[in-house]
Structure formats: structure tokens, C-alpha cells
């Protein structure tokens, strides 16, 4: 066959749609029983990074596919249930379901000396099969490995309460009447702390490092809509930083007034947490900020400022990584180090291998994966051509050098992109 797409979440469906629109031969392999990726898992009772209270931080205008806008009945910030239903309806109306093989897990992909890809997959009965393809599109996501602090706080082995990662979190009602410490200040941490605080006896948010906390709207506009507006995207990075920082000074004031540490870097030079709720819950006393954990002892959690709390549960919201076990062990997109992909999509050393959705923008990822999918289709059909491996390598080096200066270099940081500049890059490719 022509193309194998791995994964039927948002990115995989974008790839499938672009391929079908051009009449190209492809199959999509999905290990779960349905489309939708992480968005369908809570309702399906499957483990994953989504939880029952989860709502998107991106506006529906940028979250839906261009060819299938979200309807008027959809809230501005859809829930995970809304998103799961939307993706299923998109797959049905776009005629993509016949191309998807469900409950089919990819075991390995390997390329022979002639450039042909062999994909080995395993079905629901455990039966393995081998097929060959001209191209492979990996769209399997990058939120499947829970990252815990390394090392864990001193005395972690003595803690008598429940310890879990946000990957295992489902519903705040599980913690009714309990004393809970949530660790982190990313999107999952602030969501989960707010959710838990509606049920728990006491909710503490332990924050070791400061991070920019941005409301979902500024000046009555969704922040992701601001990010793509021509009047904003035409500004230089320092001008954008000054504009948003001034808006935050007016909208919420210093984070220290909420008991949170200020971030060490300017905005857009470190991760951003989008939340309307966490600062309000702190103001209302429902969530109590504390610094990082110094040590654990029995049911006692002691913090670096010397204060202590008794806790029945610890929820580590300390991020996600990814593994792609079907890739060769040393592959530079496997999540073990900085990702080395030309324009964040193309493996320069393995012709015909593409990655969709392996990026982290500030805002919705949908427009980016649609643009990636259209570029991949142009490469598959020969309408666009790639430069030599040495040229692609230089582009990757330059990109990672810039990322290192701005964010520091890690697997997660290496897939950060600026939405508008990246879209222009893909449109020109």
C-alpha cells in the first residue's frame, strides 16, 4: 500500500483526511477501539492524561478542523466529552472510518535498503501481520509516559497515603474528605487542584518553580485567538512579551500576591499555564499554595520553607513524555532526547518517515497538524521536494540551538513551536 498512518487521534485523523482528499492509498492503524485518542479515554474508562473535568484551553474556532468547524451548540472551550464526540463525527462525515483498523497495535516499523517500509502490527487476538508501505506517518501522540520527579522527595518510601500521577487521576470525587497535595503548576496541576478542592477537606498546591499563569481571555478575547491575530503576530518577540506582560499586570497582578513564585524568565521563554480558575480558588482559600516538597515522613509532607501538612494523597502533575516502541531504539524522535526532525516532521535519515503532532505550541495544535498533513501529502505526491540530508541537518541544528537559548534543551522543549512562524514555514515548503 501507499501510506500507513499510525494513530487515529486528532493528528492521525488530520493525516487521513488529507490523504483521502487527494485519493491516495492508505490505512490507519489504531490500537484502541475508537477514534479520538486521549479525548475519548475518560468516558471509555481507559487510562490517559485526560480526566473527567478536563476542558480545552483553546477556543473552538481554532480547535476544530477547518473543513468541519465546531457548531454553535459547542461551548467556546469544549470538554473532553465534546471533543471526543466531535472527532468521532468528523471521522464519520469525512468517510474516514473504513480506512481505520481498530484494536491494531503497531509492533515495529523497519525500512529496507530500497526504501520500502515494513510495518508489523498485532490485532485484538494477538495475531501479528506484516505489510509493506512506501511511506509511514507517525501520529501516535506524545502524552503517554508519566514523568515523576527524579529523585522523588526524601522519605517517599515512608509516605502512608496514596501516591499517583496525573495520568492516573480521574475525578476529584475520589478524594472527598481527604487532605490532598497536588505537585506542579502546569495545566494538569492547576486543573486537578481546582477539581480536587471541590471535594477534599484540604487542597495544597506545591510549586517548586514559578511559571506564567495566563487567563483564557484577555481584553475579552481568547488568548489563542490573540496569538494568531495579524496585529499581534506582526509584532517582534520583545513587543509581544511587553504587550502580554502588561496585560497580565492589569488582569491578575503579581503571582506573589497569590502565594506563587514568579517565573524566572519572561513570557514565551518558559512554559505557560492557561487557567481561569486556579487563581480564583487560591483567593477563595480553597487551594493553598506551598513551595516544593523537602521531605515526606509517614503522613507528613514537609516543604522547603519549613511548613508542613498532613496528607492522605499526593498527586504528581509533573508532566508527560512519550515512547514509540515500534521505532528503532536510537531513533531521534523516540522521546529519549531532543527531537531531530526537519521542520518538526521529516526524518532526514529515513526517507518516507513523517511525524504529525509532535509539536507543542502555545494554543491549539489543530491548525498545525492540518498544515503538517497537507505538506506530507505534497511530499508523497512529489509536488514538494525535500533538500538533501545535510541541508535538513543544518536546519535542525539551527532550530535546536534557538530552542536551547530560549527554553533549554530537552525532549519536551525541543518540540516547542511558535504558531504563526511555523505555519508560514509549512506553507512555503
Protein backbone atom coordinates (compact mmCIF):
# COMPACT_ATOMS: atom_id res chain seq x y z
CA UNK A 1 0.00 0.00 0.00
CA UNK A 2 0.97 3.63 -0.26
CA UNK A 3 0.88 5.11 3.24
CA UNK A 4 0.48 3.73 6.76
CA UNK A 5 -0.84 6.19 9.36
CA UNK A 6 -0.19 5.21 12.98
CA UNK A 7 -2.85 6.56 15.34
CA UNK A 8 -6.43 7.82 14.93
CA UNK A 9 -6.42 10.73 17.34
CA UNK A 10 -6.62 14.33 16.18
CA UNK A 11 -3.31 14.19 14.29
CA UNK A 12 -4.00 10.82 12.69
CA UNK A 13 -7.43 11.97 11.52
CA UNK A 14 -5.88 15.11 10.02
CA UNK A 15 -3.46 12.90 8.08
CA UNK A 16 -6.21 10.53 6.98
CA UNK A 17 -8.40 13.39 5.80
CA UNK A 18 -5.60 14.99 3.76
CA UNK A 19 -4.70 11.65 2.16
CA UNK A 20 -8.31 10.76 1.34
CA UNK A 21 -8.98 14.20 -0.15
CA UNK A 22 -6.21 13.53 -2.65
CA UNK A 23 -7.37 9.99 -3.37
CA UNK A 24 -4.19 8.41 -2.02
CA UNK A 25 -3.95 4.80 -0.90
CA UNK A 26 -3.57 4.47 2.88
CA UNK A 27 -4.57 2.59 6.01
CA UNK A 28 -4.74 3.94 9.57
CA UNK A 29 -3.81 1.61 12.44
CA UNK A 30 -5.28 2.44 15.87
CA UNK A 31 -4.69 0.31 18.97
CA UNK A 32 -7.84 1.46 20.81
CA UNK A 33 -11.46 0.57 19.91
CA UNK A 34 -12.32 4.04 18.57
CA UNK A 35 -11.08 7.33 17.15
CA UNK A 36 -10.26 10.36 19.27
CA UNK A 37 -7.03 9.49 21.05
CA UNK A 38 -6.70 10.98 24.54
CA UNK A 39 -10.07 12.72 24.32
CA UNK A 40 -12.15 9.54 24.28
CA UNK A 41 -10.33 7.75 27.09
CA UNK A 42 -12.04 9.12 30.24
CA UNK A 43 -15.53 8.23 29.00
CA UNK A 44 -14.24 4.86 27.80
CA UNK A 45 -12.69 4.13 31.20
CA UNK A 46 -9.20 3.92 29.71
CA UNK A 47 -6.04 5.33 31.33
CA UNK A 48 -4.59 8.51 29.87
CA UNK A 49 -3.78 12.15 30.51
CA UNK A 50 -7.41 13.31 30.20
CA UNK A 51 -9.73 13.41 33.24
CA UNK A 52 -13.45 13.95 33.69
CA UNK A 53 -13.25 17.66 34.48
CA UNK A 54 -10.95 18.44 31.56
CA UNK A 55 -11.84 21.31 29.23
CA UNK A 56 -9.69 22.61 26.43
CA UNK A 57 -7.77 25.83 26.90
CA UNK A 58 -8.06 26.68 23.21
CA UNK A 59 -11.11 28.30 21.64
CA UNK A 60 -13.34 26.16 19.45
CA UNK A 61 -12.67 28.36 16.41
CA UNK A 62 -9.06 27.15 16.39
CA UNK A 63 -9.66 23.69 17.86
CA UNK A 64 -11.95 22.37 15.16
CA UNK A 65 -10.77 21.30 11.72
CA UNK A 66 -11.01 23.98 9.03
CA UNK A 67 -13.21 21.74 6.89
CA UNK A 68 -15.53 20.86 9.79
CA UNK A 69 -15.99 23.85 12.14
CA UNK A 70 -17.42 23.23 15.58
CA UNK A 71 -21.10 24.14 15.72
CA UNK A 72 -22.85 26.93 17.59
CA UNK A 73 -24.01 24.47 20.24
CA UNK A 74 -20.40 23.73 21.17
CA UNK A 75 -19.09 25.78 24.11
CA UNK A 76 -16.21 28.15 23.48
CA UNK A 77 -13.92 25.83 25.45
CA UNK A 78 -15.08 22.25 24.78
CA UNK A 79 -14.88 19.47 27.36
CA UNK A 80 -13.10 16.20 26.66
CA UNK A 81 -16.54 14.66 26.01
CA UNK A 82 -17.36 17.37 23.48
CA UNK A 83 -14.02 16.80 21.78
CA UNK A 84 -14.45 13.02 21.66
CA UNK A 85 -17.90 13.35 20.07
CA UNK A 86 -16.63 15.97 17.63
CA UNK A 87 -13.71 13.82 16.43
CA UNK A 88 -15.99 10.80 16.00
CA UNK A 89 -18.46 12.87 13.95
CA UNK A 90 -15.63 14.28 11.86
CA UNK A 91 -14.32 10.79 11.09
CA UNK A 92 -17.82 9.61 10.15
CA UNK A 93 -18.76 12.59 7.97
CA UNK A 94 -15.37 12.67 6.25
CA UNK A 95 -15.69 8.96 5.41
CA UNK A 96 -12.53 8.01 7.31
CA UNK A 97 -13.76 5.10 9.42
CA UNK A 98 -13.47 2.48 6.64
CA UNK A 99 -9.75 3.27 6.46
CA UNK A 100 -9.13 2.69 10.18
CA UNK A 101 -8.23 -0.72 11.61
CA UNK A 102 -9.14 -0.59 15.29
CA UNK A 103 -7.60 -2.65 18.11
CA UNK A 104 -4.48 -2.92 15.98
CA UNK A 105 -1.19 -2.10 17.68
CA UNK A 106 1.94 -1.36 15.68
CA UNK A 107 4.80 -3.55 16.88
CA UNK A 108 7.62 -2.35 14.64
CA UNK A 109 8.44 -0.35 11.53
CA UNK A 110 11.61 -1.01 9.56
CA UNK A 111 12.95 0.27 6.24
CA UNK A 112 14.83 -1.93 3.80
CA UNK A 113 17.75 -0.77 1.61
CA UNK A 114 15.31 0.05 -1.20
CA UNK A 115 13.32 2.48 0.96
CA UNK A 116 10.30 0.20 1.45
CA UNK A 117 8.75 0.21 4.93
CA UNK A 118 7.66 -3.00 6.63
CA UNK A 119 5.05 -2.45 9.35
CA UNK A 120 4.37 -5.29 11.77
CA UNK A 121 1.10 -4.98 13.70
CA UNK A 122 -0.82 -7.07 16.23
CA UNK A 123 -4.62 -7.38 16.24
CA UNK A 124 -7.02 -7.87 19.16
CA UNK A 125 -6.48 -11.64 19.07
CA UNK A 126 -2.73 -11.22 19.37
CA UNK A 127 -2.11 -12.25 15.78
CA UNK A 128 0.76 -10.41 14.12
CA UNK A 129 0.81 -9.42 10.47
CA UNK A 130 3.39 -7.75 8.24
CA UNK A 131 2.67 -5.28 5.45
CA UNK A 132 4.80 -3.04 3.26
CA UNK A 133 4.30 0.67 2.55
CA UNK A 134 6.00 3.44 0.64
CA UNK A 135 5.58 5.93 3.49
CA UNK A 136 4.75 5.87 7.20
CA UNK A 137 3.10 8.74 9.10
CA UNK A 138 3.50 8.54 12.87
CA UNK A 139 0.63 10.33 14.63
CA UNK A 140 0.57 8.44 17.93
CA UNK A 141 0.85 11.40 20.32
CA UNK A 142 3.34 12.44 22.95
CA UNK A 143 1.48 12.22 26.28
CA UNK A 144 1.76 8.54 27.14
CA UNK A 145 4.57 8.34 29.72
CA UNK A 146 4.06 9.85 33.21
CA UNK A 147 7.11 11.77 34.39
CA UNK A 148 7.83 11.77 38.11
CA UNK A 149 10.44 13.82 39.97
CA UNK A 150 13.82 12.15 39.82
CA UNK A 151 14.70 11.65 42.56
CA UNK A 152 11.45 11.54 44.49
CA UNK A 153 11.35 13.63 47.67
CA UNK A 154 13.35 12.25 50.56
CA UNK A 155 11.35 9.77 52.61
CA UNK A 156 8.93 9.00 49.77
CA UNK A 157 9.05 5.31 50.66
CA UNK A 158 7.63 6.11 54.12
CA UNK A 159 4.59 8.05 52.93
CA UNK A 160 1.46 6.33 54.19
CA UNK A 161 -1.02 7.92 51.80
CA UNK A 162 -1.90 7.31 48.18
CA UNK A 163 0.62 8.43 45.54
CA UNK A 164 -0.42 8.90 41.92
CA UNK A 165 0.49 10.77 38.76
CA UNK A 166 -1.99 12.94 36.89
CA UNK A 167 -2.07 10.14 34.27
CA UNK A 168 -3.96 8.08 36.89
CA UNK A 169 -6.28 10.87 38.01
CA UNK A 170 -9.95 10.56 37.03
CA UNK A 171 -12.26 12.55 39.31
CA UNK A 172 -11.95 14.80 42.34
CA UNK A 173 -14.83 12.95 44.00
CA UNK A 174 -12.39 10.13 44.74
CA UNK A 175 -10.77 12.41 47.31
CA UNK A 176 -13.88 13.53 49.18
CA UNK A 177 -13.00 14.47 52.74
CA UNK A 178 -9.28 13.86 52.25
CA UNK A 179 -6.20 16.07 52.57
CA UNK A 180 -4.51 16.25 49.17
CA UNK A 181 -1.21 17.73 47.99
CA UNK A 182 -1.03 18.42 44.24
CA UNK A 183 2.51 18.89 42.91
CA UNK A 184 3.20 21.16 39.93
CA UNK A 185 1.95 24.29 38.20
CA UNK A 186 1.30 23.09 34.66
CA UNK A 187 -2.11 22.74 33.01
CA UNK A 188 -2.91 19.40 34.66
CA UNK A 189 -1.77 20.58 38.10
CA UNK A 190 -3.97 23.68 38.21
CA UNK A 191 -6.97 21.85 36.76
CA UNK A 192 -6.66 18.94 39.17
CA UNK A 193 -6.05 21.17 42.20
CA UNK A 194 -9.19 23.16 41.38
CA UNK A 195 -11.19 19.96 40.79
CA UNK A 196 -9.98 18.27 43.97
CA UNK A 197 -10.69 21.38 46.04
CA UNK A 198 -14.44 20.98 45.45
CA UNK A 199 -14.41 17.65 47.28
CA UNK A 200 -11.36 17.43 49.55
CA UNK A 201 -11.13 18.58 53.15
CA UNK A 202 -7.95 20.47 52.29
CA UNK A 203 -6.11 21.02 49.00
CA UNK A 204 -2.50 22.14 48.82
CA UNK A 205 -0.66 23.09 45.62
CA UNK A 206 3.09 22.51 45.92
CA UNK A 207 5.05 24.65 43.46
CA UNK A 208 8.82 24.40 43.25
CA UNK A 209 9.40 26.65 40.21
CA UNK A 210 7.44 29.67 39.02
CA UNK A 211 5.50 29.52 35.78
CA UNK A 212 3.47 32.07 33.84
CA UNK A 213 -0.24 31.72 34.63
CA UNK A 214 -2.39 33.28 31.92
CA UNK A 215 -6.21 33.56 31.91
CA UNK A 216 -8.07 32.04 28.99
CA UNK A 217 -9.14 35.51 27.87
CA UNK A 218 -7.54 38.94 27.80
CA UNK A 219 -9.43 42.03 26.62
CA UNK A 220 -12.45 39.77 26.04
CA UNK A 221 -10.54 37.62 23.52
CA UNK A 222 -9.27 34.07 23.86
CA UNK A 223 -5.52 34.23 24.26
CA UNK A 224 -5.00 31.75 21.42
CA UNK A 225 -7.09 33.98 19.15
CA UNK A 226 -4.86 36.89 20.13
CA UNK A 227 -1.78 34.81 19.30
CA UNK A 228 -2.86 34.30 15.68
CA UNK A 229 -4.29 37.78 15.12
CA UNK A 230 -2.27 39.67 12.45
CA UNK A 231 -1.95 42.75 14.67
CA UNK A 232 -0.26 40.60 17.33
CA UNK A 233 1.73 38.18 15.20
CA UNK A 234 3.28 41.07 13.28
CA UNK A 235 4.94 42.30 16.48
CA UNK A 236 8.51 41.29 17.34
CA UNK A 237 9.02 38.84 20.22
CA UNK A 238 10.03 41.64 22.67
CA UNK A 239 6.93 43.62 21.65
CA UNK A 240 4.71 40.58 22.14
CA UNK A 241 6.27 39.94 25.54
CA UNK A 242 5.74 43.52 26.67
CA UNK A 243 2.12 43.53 25.47
CA UNK A 244 1.15 40.31 27.27
CA UNK A 245 3.12 41.09 30.40
CA UNK A 246 1.41 44.47 30.72
CA UNK A 247 -1.98 42.81 30.17
CA UNK A 248 -1.20 40.30 32.93
CA UNK A 249 -0.18 43.06 35.32
CA UNK A 250 -3.63 44.58 34.82
CA UNK A 251 -5.63 41.33 34.72
CA UNK A 252 -4.17 39.49 37.70
CA UNK A 253 -1.24 41.37 39.24
CA UNK A 254 1.92 39.69 40.54
CA UNK A 255 1.77 35.95 41.18
CA UNK A 256 3.43 36.51 44.54
CA UNK A 257 0.15 38.05 45.72
CA UNK A 258 -1.35 34.57 45.35
CA UNK A 259 1.49 32.88 47.22
CA UNK A 260 3.05 31.58 43.99
CA UNK A 261 6.65 32.17 42.88
CA UNK A 262 7.25 34.44 39.92
CA UNK A 263 8.68 32.64 36.85
CA UNK A 264 12.41 33.14 36.29
CA UNK A 265 12.01 34.04 32.60
CA UNK A 266 9.88 36.40 30.56
CA UNK A 267 6.72 35.10 28.96
CA UNK A 268 7.26 32.97 25.83
CA UNK A 269 10.66 31.98 27.18
CA UNK A 270 9.32 29.32 29.52
CA UNK A 271 6.14 27.22 29.68
CA UNK A 272 2.79 28.97 30.01
CA UNK A 273 -0.14 27.68 32.08
CA UNK A 274 -3.56 28.80 30.86
CA UNK A 275 -6.21 28.82 33.60
CA UNK A 276 -9.16 30.96 34.59
CA UNK A 277 -9.78 29.08 37.80
CA UNK A 278 -6.68 28.37 39.88
CA UNK A 279 -6.02 31.94 40.99
CA UNK A 280 -9.66 32.33 41.99
CA UNK A 281 -9.57 29.09 44.01
CA UNK A 282 -6.45 30.33 45.77
CA UNK A 283 -8.08 33.69 46.51
CA UNK A 284 -11.09 31.87 47.98
CA UNK A 285 -8.89 29.72 50.22
CA UNK A 286 -9.95 26.50 48.51
CA UNK A 287 -6.40 25.84 47.28
CA UNK A 288 -3.42 26.70 49.48
CA UNK A 289 -0.05 27.26 47.76
CA UNK A 290 3.12 25.87 49.27
CA UNK A 291 6.71 25.68 47.95
CA UNK A 292 8.38 22.47 46.83
CA UNK A 293 8.42 19.34 48.96
CA UNK A 294 11.52 18.90 51.10
CA UNK A 295 10.70 15.50 52.58
CA UNK A 296 7.98 13.01 53.40
CA UNK A 297 7.54 11.15 56.67
CA UNK A 298 4.54 8.94 57.27
CA UNK A 299 1.53 11.15 56.55
CA UNK A 300 3.51 14.38 56.92
CA UNK A 301 4.60 16.46 53.94
CA UNK A 302 7.29 18.98 54.82
CA UNK A 303 8.01 21.87 52.45
CA UNK A 304 11.18 23.79 51.72
CA UNK A 305 10.03 26.80 53.78
CA UNK A 306 9.76 24.60 56.89
CA UNK A 307 5.96 24.38 56.89
CA UNK A 308 4.22 21.00 56.94
CA UNK A 309 0.87 19.46 56.04
CA UNK A 310 -0.76 16.16 56.87
CA UNK A 311 -1.83 14.43 53.64
CA UNK A 312 -3.85 11.42 52.58
CA UNK A 313 -2.79 11.66 48.94
CA UNK A 314 -0.08 13.08 46.72
CA UNK A 315 -0.86 13.83 43.06
CA UNK A 316 2.24 14.44 40.96
CA UNK A 317 1.35 16.63 37.99
CA UNK A 318 4.91 16.72 36.76
CA UNK A 319 4.49 16.26 33.05
CA UNK A 320 4.48 13.65 30.34
CA UNK A 321 6.93 12.13 27.95
CA UNK A 322 6.47 9.64 25.19
CA UNK A 323 7.77 6.39 23.85
CA UNK A 324 7.31 4.97 20.40
CA UNK A 325 8.39 1.37 20.94
CA UNK A 326 7.82 0.50 17.32
CA UNK A 327 10.71 2.80 16.30
CA UNK A 328 14.34 1.72 16.36
CA UNK A 329 15.71 2.18 19.89
CA UNK A 330 18.04 5.01 18.88
CA UNK A 331 15.53 6.99 16.83
CA UNK A 332 15.83 10.77 17.41
CA UNK A 333 12.06 11.19 17.85
CA UNK A 334 11.64 8.39 20.38
CA UNK A 335 11.41 10.66 23.43
CA UNK A 336 14.83 9.85 24.87
CA UNK A 337 16.42 13.19 23.98
CA UNK A 338 15.99 16.27 21.78
CA UNK A 339 13.85 15.53 18.72
CA UNK A 340 15.75 15.84 15.45
CA UNK A 341 13.19 16.27 12.67
CA UNK A 342 13.33 18.59 9.68
CA UNK A 343 10.64 21.21 10.20
CA UNK A 344 9.46 19.03 13.08
CA UNK A 345 8.03 16.46 10.65
CA UNK A 346 10.62 14.74 8.44
CA UNK A 347 13.25 12.20 9.45
CA UNK A 348 16.19 13.29 7.28
CA UNK A 349 17.93 9.92 7.56
CA UNK A 350 14.93 7.72 6.77
CA UNK A 351 13.09 8.79 3.58
CA UNK A 352 9.35 8.34 3.74
CA UNK A 353 9.01 8.59 7.53
CA UNK A 354 6.96 11.54 8.81
CA UNK A 355 5.70 12.66 12.23
CA UNK A 356 2.47 14.60 12.80
CA UNK A 357 1.55 16.38 16.01
CA UNK A 358 4.96 16.02 17.65
CA UNK A 359 4.95 19.75 18.47
CA UNK A 360 3.98 21.89 21.46
CA UNK A 361 2.53 25.29 20.59
CA UNK A 362 1.03 27.90 22.88
CA UNK A 363 -2.59 27.33 21.93
CA UNK A 364 -4.40 24.82 19.75
CA UNK A 365 -2.43 22.23 17.80
CA UNK A 366 -5.15 21.61 15.19
CA UNK A 367 -4.10 24.17 12.57
CA UNK A 368 -0.52 22.96 12.85
CA UNK A 369 -1.28 19.29 12.26
CA UNK A 370 -3.55 20.19 9.34
CA UNK A 371 -0.69 22.15 7.77
CA UNK A 372 1.71 19.30 8.50
CA UNK A 373 -0.67 16.83 6.86
CA UNK A 374 -1.03 18.96 3.73
CA UNK A 375 2.76 19.22 3.45
CA UNK A 376 3.19 15.46 3.86
CA UNK A 377 0.66 14.90 1.08
CA UNK A 378 2.63 17.25 -1.17
CA UNK A 379 5.77 15.25 -0.38
CA UNK A 380 4.01 11.94 -1.05
CA UNK A 381 2.70 13.15 -4.42
CA UNK A 382 6.01 14.78 -5.41
CA UNK A 383 4.57 18.29 -5.54
CA UNK A 384 7.11 19.33 -2.90
CA UNK A 385 10.67 18.11 -2.70
CA UNK A 386 12.96 17.82 0.28
CA UNK A 387 16.50 19.21 0.30
CA UNK A 388 19.46 16.94 0.91
CA UNK A 389 20.03 15.32 4.30
CA UNK A 390 22.90 17.71 5.04
CA UNK A 391 20.68 20.76 4.45
CA UNK A 392 17.95 19.28 6.62
CA UNK A 393 20.51 18.55 9.32
CA UNK A 394 21.65 22.17 9.36
CA UNK A 395 18.05 23.38 9.70
CA UNK A 396 17.56 21.03 12.66
CA UNK A 397 20.79 22.22 14.30
CA UNK A 398 19.77 25.86 13.93
CA UNK A 399 16.30 25.21 15.30
CA UNK A 400 17.58 23.30 18.34
CA UNK A 401 20.19 25.96 19.01
CA UNK A 402 17.44 28.59 19.16
CA UNK A 403 15.26 26.37 21.36
CA UNK A 404 18.17 25.79 23.71
CA UNK A 405 18.72 29.52 24.15
CA UNK A 406 15.06 30.19 24.74
CA UNK A 407 13.77 27.21 26.73
CA UNK A 408 16.72 24.96 27.50
CA UNK A 409 17.10 21.73 25.60
CA UNK A 410 15.19 18.58 26.46
CA UNK A 411 12.91 16.19 24.61
CA UNK A 412 9.86 18.26 25.59
CA UNK A 413 11.40 21.66 24.89
CA UNK A 414 12.74 20.51 21.53
CA UNK A 415 9.20 20.31 20.08
CA UNK A 416 8.14 23.84 21.09
CA UNK A 417 6.96 25.95 18.14
CA UNK A 418 5.62 29.45 17.58
CA UNK A 419 2.29 29.04 15.79
CA UNK A 420 2.42 31.75 13.13
CA UNK A 421 6.06 31.37 12.16
CA UNK A 422 5.70 27.62 11.96
CA UNK A 423 2.57 27.83 9.80
CA UNK A 424 4.42 30.14 7.40
CA UNK A 425 7.28 27.65 7.22
CA UNK A 426 4.95 24.81 6.31
CA UNK A 427 3.02 26.88 3.76
CA UNK A 428 6.26 27.70 1.96
CA UNK A 429 7.51 24.10 1.97
